[in-house]
Amino acid sequence: MRKVDFADSAFRHGLHEEDFYELISGRYIKLKSQRGITGVFELLGQNLSGTYLHAIYRIIRNEERIRVFHMTEMNENQKRRFKRLLKK
């Protein structure tokens, strides 16, 4: 697994590093950036308490690490998309 760095902005919505690690330890959906940014990915998943989370990270080229710069609870549209994609 790559090393994970967190930008200060990742914690703006009251989430913590543990939330990210819990998200990736369970079932999640990985999507390319909805804005079309190269090397940026979005994750939809849940932490251990069942909160639906949305995280965005960038792959740092030439280094074995990623930088998480946004984490928040999913909105209703994201929850529906997540549930629909998990059924596939």
N, C-alpha and C. Protein backbone atom coordinates (compact mmCIF):
# COMPACT_ATOMS: atom_id res chain seq x y z
N MET A 1 0.84 -1.19 0.00
CA MET A 1 0.00 0.00 0.00
C MET A 1 0.88 1.24 0.00
N ARG A 2 0.40 2.24 -0.68
CA ARG A 2 1.14 3.50 -0.74
C ARG A 2 1.05 4.25 0.58
N LYS A 3 2.02 5.09 0.82
CA LYS A 3 1.99 5.96 1.99
C LYS A 3 0.88 6.99 1.79
N VAL A 4 0.18 7.33 2.85
CA VAL A 4 -0.94 8.28 2.75
C VAL A 4 -0.58 9.55 3.53
N ASP A 5 -0.67 10.68 2.85
CA ASP A 5 -0.52 12.00 3.48
C ASP A 5 -1.89 12.67 3.48
N PHE A 6 -2.15 13.50 4.46
CA PHE A 6 -3.41 14.20 4.54
C PHE A 6 -3.17 15.71 4.53
N ALA A 7 -3.83 16.40 3.63
CA ALA A 7 -3.80 17.87 3.63
C ALA A 7 -4.71 18.35 4.77
N ASP A 8 -4.43 19.53 5.28
CA ASP A 8 -5.28 20.10 6.33
C ASP A 8 -6.74 20.17 5.88
N SER A 9 -6.95 20.42 4.59
CA SER A 9 -8.31 20.55 4.07
C SER A 9 -9.11 19.26 4.19
N ALA A 10 -8.44 18.12 4.34
CA ALA A 10 -9.14 16.84 4.46
C ALA A 10 -9.97 16.76 5.74
N PHE A 11 -9.63 17.56 6.71
CA PHE A 11 -10.29 17.49 8.02
C PHE A 11 -11.28 18.64 8.24
N ARG A 12 -11.53 19.40 7.22
CA ARG A 12 -12.40 20.58 7.31
C ARG A 12 -13.83 20.23 7.73
N HIS A 13 -14.28 19.01 7.44
CA HIS A 13 -15.67 18.63 7.72
C HIS A 13 -15.79 17.73 8.96
N GLY A 14 -14.76 17.76 9.80
CA GLY A 14 -14.83 17.05 11.07
C GLY A 14 -14.47 15.58 11.04
N LEU A 15 -13.95 15.10 9.91
CA LEU A 15 -13.54 13.70 9.82
C LEU A 15 -12.06 13.58 10.19
N HIS A 16 -11.62 12.34 10.39
CA HIS A 16 -10.26 12.08 10.87
C HIS A 16 -9.57 11.06 9.99
N GLU A 17 -8.26 10.91 10.18
CA GLU A 17 -7.50 9.92 9.42
C GLU A 17 -8.12 8.54 9.55
N GLU A 18 -8.57 8.20 10.76
CA GLU A 18 -9.16 6.88 11.00
C GLU A 18 -10.35 6.63 10.08
N ASP A 19 -11.13 7.68 9.80
CA ASP A 19 -12.28 7.52 8.90
C ASP A 19 -11.83 7.06 7.52
N PHE A 20 -10.74 7.63 7.02
CA PHE A 20 -10.22 7.25 5.70
C PHE A 20 -9.77 5.78 5.72
N TYR A 21 -9.01 5.41 6.74
CA TYR A 21 -8.52 4.03 6.81
C TYR A 21 -9.66 3.02 6.98
N GLU A 22 -10.69 3.41 7.71
CA GLU A 22 -11.86 2.54 7.84
C GLU A 22 -12.59 2.42 6.51
N LEU A 23 -12.67 3.52 5.76
CA LEU A 23 -13.31 3.49 4.44
C LEU A 23 -12.61 2.48 3.54
N ILE A 24 -11.28 2.55 3.47
CA ILE A 24 -10.56 1.67 2.54
C ILE A 24 -10.43 0.24 3.06
N SER A 25 -10.77 0.02 4.33
CA SER A 25 -10.71 -1.35 4.84
C SER A 25 -11.98 -2.13 4.52
N GLY A 26 -13.02 -1.44 4.06
CA GLY A 26 -14.29 -2.09 3.74
C GLY A 26 -14.55 -2.06 2.24
N ARG A 27 -15.82 -2.22 1.89
CA ARG A 27 -16.22 -2.14 0.48
C ARG A 27 -16.34 -0.67 0.10
N TYR A 28 -15.71 -0.32 -1.01
CA TYR A 28 -15.78 1.06 -1.48
C TYR A 28 -15.76 1.07 -3.00
N ILE A 29 -16.14 2.20 -3.55
CA ILE A 29 -16.13 2.42 -4.99
C ILE A 29 -15.06 3.47 -5.28
N LYS A 30 -14.18 3.17 -6.24
CA LYS A 30 -13.15 4.12 -6.66
C LYS A 30 -13.55 4.67 -8.03
N LEU A 31 -13.60 5.99 -8.14
CA LEU A 31 -14.00 6.65 -9.38
C LEU A 31 -12.90 7.62 -9.82
N LYS A 32 -12.76 7.79 -11.13
CA LYS A 32 -11.89 8.86 -11.63
C LYS A 32 -12.51 10.19 -11.24
N SER A 33 -11.71 11.21 -11.17
CA SER A 33 -12.20 12.54 -10.82
C SER A 33 -13.39 12.93 -11.69
N GLN A 34 -14.46 13.34 -11.05
CA GLN A 34 -15.65 13.77 -11.80
C GLN A 34 -15.38 15.06 -12.57
N ARG A 35 -14.31 15.74 -12.20
CA ARG A 35 -13.93 16.97 -12.90
C ARG A 35 -12.90 16.72 -13.99
N GLY A 36 -12.52 15.45 -14.16
CA GLY A 36 -11.59 15.09 -15.22
C GLY A 36 -10.14 15.40 -14.94
N ILE A 37 -9.77 15.55 -13.67
CA ILE A 37 -8.40 15.89 -13.31
C ILE A 37 -7.55 14.62 -13.30
N THR A 38 -6.48 14.61 -14.06
CA THR A 38 -5.60 13.45 -14.16
C THR A 38 -4.94 13.17 -12.81
N GLY A 39 -4.92 11.91 -12.42
CA GLY A 39 -4.25 11.51 -11.19
C GLY A 39 -5.05 11.75 -9.92
N VAL A 40 -6.32 12.18 -10.07
CA VAL A 40 -7.18 12.42 -8.92
C VAL A 40 -8.33 11.41 -8.95
N PHE A 41 -8.60 10.83 -7.78
CA PHE A 41 -9.64 9.81 -7.66
C PHE A 41 -10.55 10.11 -6.49
N GLU A 42 -11.77 9.59 -6.58
CA GLU A 42 -12.77 9.75 -5.53
C GLU A 42 -13.13 8.38 -4.99
N LEU A 43 -13.33 8.31 -3.71
CA LEU A 43 -13.75 7.07 -3.06
C LEU A 43 -15.10 7.29 -2.40
N LEU A 44 -15.99 6.35 -2.58
CA LEU A 44 -17.28 6.34 -1.89
C LEU A 44 -17.31 5.07 -1.05
N GLY A 45 -17.58 5.20 0.24
CA GLY A 45 -17.60 4.05 1.12
C GLY A 45 -18.14 4.43 2.48
N GLN A 46 -17.92 3.55 3.44
CA GLN A 46 -18.42 3.77 4.79
C GLN A 46 -17.32 3.53 5.80
N ASN A 47 -17.40 4.25 6.93
CA ASN A 47 -16.50 3.94 8.04
C ASN A 47 -17.14 2.86 8.89
N LEU A 48 -16.49 2.45 9.96
CA LEU A 48 -16.99 1.34 10.77
C LEU A 48 -18.30 1.64 11.48
N SER A 49 -18.59 2.92 11.70
CA SER A 49 -19.86 3.27 12.35
C SER A 49 -21.01 3.35 11.34
N GLY A 50 -20.70 3.14 10.04
CA GLY A 50 -21.74 3.13 9.01
C GLY A 50 -21.98 4.46 8.33
N THR A 51 -21.20 5.48 8.68
CA THR A 51 -21.34 6.79 8.03
C THR A 51 -20.86 6.68 6.59
N TYR A 52 -21.65 7.18 5.65
CA TYR A 52 -21.29 7.17 4.24
C TYR A 52 -20.31 8.31 3.98
N LEU A 53 -19.13 7.97 3.43
CA LEU A 53 -18.06 8.94 3.26
C LEU A 53 -17.68 9.11 1.79
N HIS A 54 -17.23 10.31 1.50
CA HIS A 54 -16.72 10.67 0.17
C HIS A 54 -15.33 11.26 0.40
N ALA A 55 -14.31 10.64 -0.19
CA ALA A 55 -12.93 11.11 -0.05
C ALA A 55 -12.34 11.35 -1.43
N ILE A 56 -11.49 12.36 -1.53
CA ILE A 56 -10.82 12.67 -2.80
C ILE A 56 -9.32 12.72 -2.53
N TYR A 57 -8.56 12.06 -3.41
CA TYR A 57 -7.10 12.05 -3.23
C TYR A 57 -6.40 12.18 -4.57
N ARG A 58 -5.14 12.55 -4.47
CA ARG A 58 -4.26 12.70 -5.65
C ARG A 58 -3.11 11.72 -5.50
N ILE A 59 -2.76 11.08 -6.60
CA ILE A 59 -1.57 10.23 -6.62
C ILE A 59 -0.37 11.13 -6.88
N ILE A 60 0.61 11.04 -6.01
CA ILE A 60 1.84 11.83 -6.17
C ILE A 60 2.79 11.02 -7.03
N ARG A 61 3.01 11.48 -8.24
CA ARG A 61 3.86 10.79 -9.20
C ARG A 61 5.30 10.71 -8.68
N ASN A 62 6.01 9.69 -9.12
CA ASN A 62 7.41 9.47 -8.77
C ASN A 62 7.62 9.21 -7.28
N GLU A 63 6.55 9.10 -6.54
CA GLU A 63 6.64 8.77 -5.12
C GLU A 63 5.56 7.74 -4.85
N GLU A 64 5.80 6.90 -3.92
CA GLU A 64 4.81 5.87 -3.59
C GLU A 64 3.88 6.40 -2.50
N ARG A 65 3.12 7.45 -2.84
CA ARG A 65 2.20 7.99 -1.85
C ARG A 65 0.99 8.63 -2.52
N ILE A 66 -0.03 8.82 -1.72
CA ILE A 66 -1.21 9.57 -2.16
C ILE A 66 -1.44 10.69 -1.16
N ARG A 67 -2.13 11.72 -1.59
CA ARG A 67 -2.44 12.85 -0.72
C ARG A 67 -3.95 13.03 -0.70
N VAL A 68 -4.56 12.78 0.46
CA VAL A 68 -5.99 12.97 0.64
C VAL A 68 -6.21 14.44 0.94
N PHE A 69 -7.05 15.09 0.12
CA PHE A 69 -7.27 16.52 0.35
C PHE A 69 -8.72 16.89 0.61
N HIS A 70 -9.62 15.89 0.57
CA HIS A 70 -11.03 16.19 0.85
C HIS A 70 -11.71 14.94 1.40
N MET A 71 -12.43 15.11 2.51
CA MET A 71 -13.27 14.04 3.06
C MET A 71 -14.52 14.68 3.65
N THR A 72 -15.66 14.10 3.32
CA THR A 72 -16.92 14.60 3.85
C THR A 72 -17.93 13.46 3.84
N GLU A 73 -19.07 13.68 4.47
CA GLU A 73 -20.15 12.70 4.38
C GLU A 73 -20.78 12.82 3.00
N MET A 74 -21.23 11.69 2.46
CA MET A 74 -21.87 11.69 1.15
C MET A 74 -23.19 12.45 1.21
N ASN A 75 -23.52 13.10 0.09
CA ASN A 75 -24.86 13.66 -0.04
C ASN A 75 -25.80 12.56 -0.52
N GLU A 76 -27.07 12.84 -0.61
CA GLU A 76 -28.05 11.81 -0.98
C GLU A 76 -27.81 11.23 -2.36
N ASN A 77 -27.42 12.06 -3.33
CA ASN A 77 -27.14 11.55 -4.68
C ASN A 77 -25.96 10.58 -4.66
N GLN A 78 -24.92 10.91 -3.90
CA GLN A 78 -23.76 10.03 -3.81
C GLN A 78 -24.12 8.71 -3.13
N LYS A 79 -24.96 8.77 -2.10
CA LYS A 79 -25.40 7.54 -1.42
C LYS A 79 -26.14 6.62 -2.39
N ARG A 80 -27.05 7.19 -3.18
CA ARG A 80 -27.79 6.39 -4.15
C ARG A 80 -26.84 5.77 -5.17
N ARG A 81 -25.89 6.55 -5.65
CA ARG A 81 -24.92 6.04 -6.63
C ARG A 81 -24.08 4.92 -6.02
N PHE A 82 -23.62 5.12 -4.80
CA PHE A 82 -22.82 4.12 -4.12
C PHE A 82 -23.58 2.81 -3.98
N LYS A 83 -24.80 2.89 -3.50
CA LYS A 83 -25.62 1.69 -3.31
C LYS A 83 -25.90 0.99 -4.64
N ARG A 84 -26.17 1.79 -5.68
CA ARG A 84 -26.44 1.21 -7.00
C ARG A 84 -25.20 0.52 -7.57
N LEU A 85 -24.03 1.13 -7.44
CA LEU A 85 -22.79 0.55 -7.97
C LEU A 85 -22.37 -0.69 -7.19
N LEU A 86 -22.65 -0.75 -5.90
CA LEU A 86 -22.30 -1.93 -5.13
C LEU A 86 -23.11 -3.16 -5.54
N LYS A 87 -24.31 -2.93 -6.05
CA LYS A 87 -25.16 -4.04 -6.46
C LYS A 87 -24.66 -4.72 -7.73
N LYS A 88 -23.88 -4.02 -8.52
CA LYS A 88 -23.40 -4.57 -9.80
C LYS A 88 -22.41 -5.69 -9.58
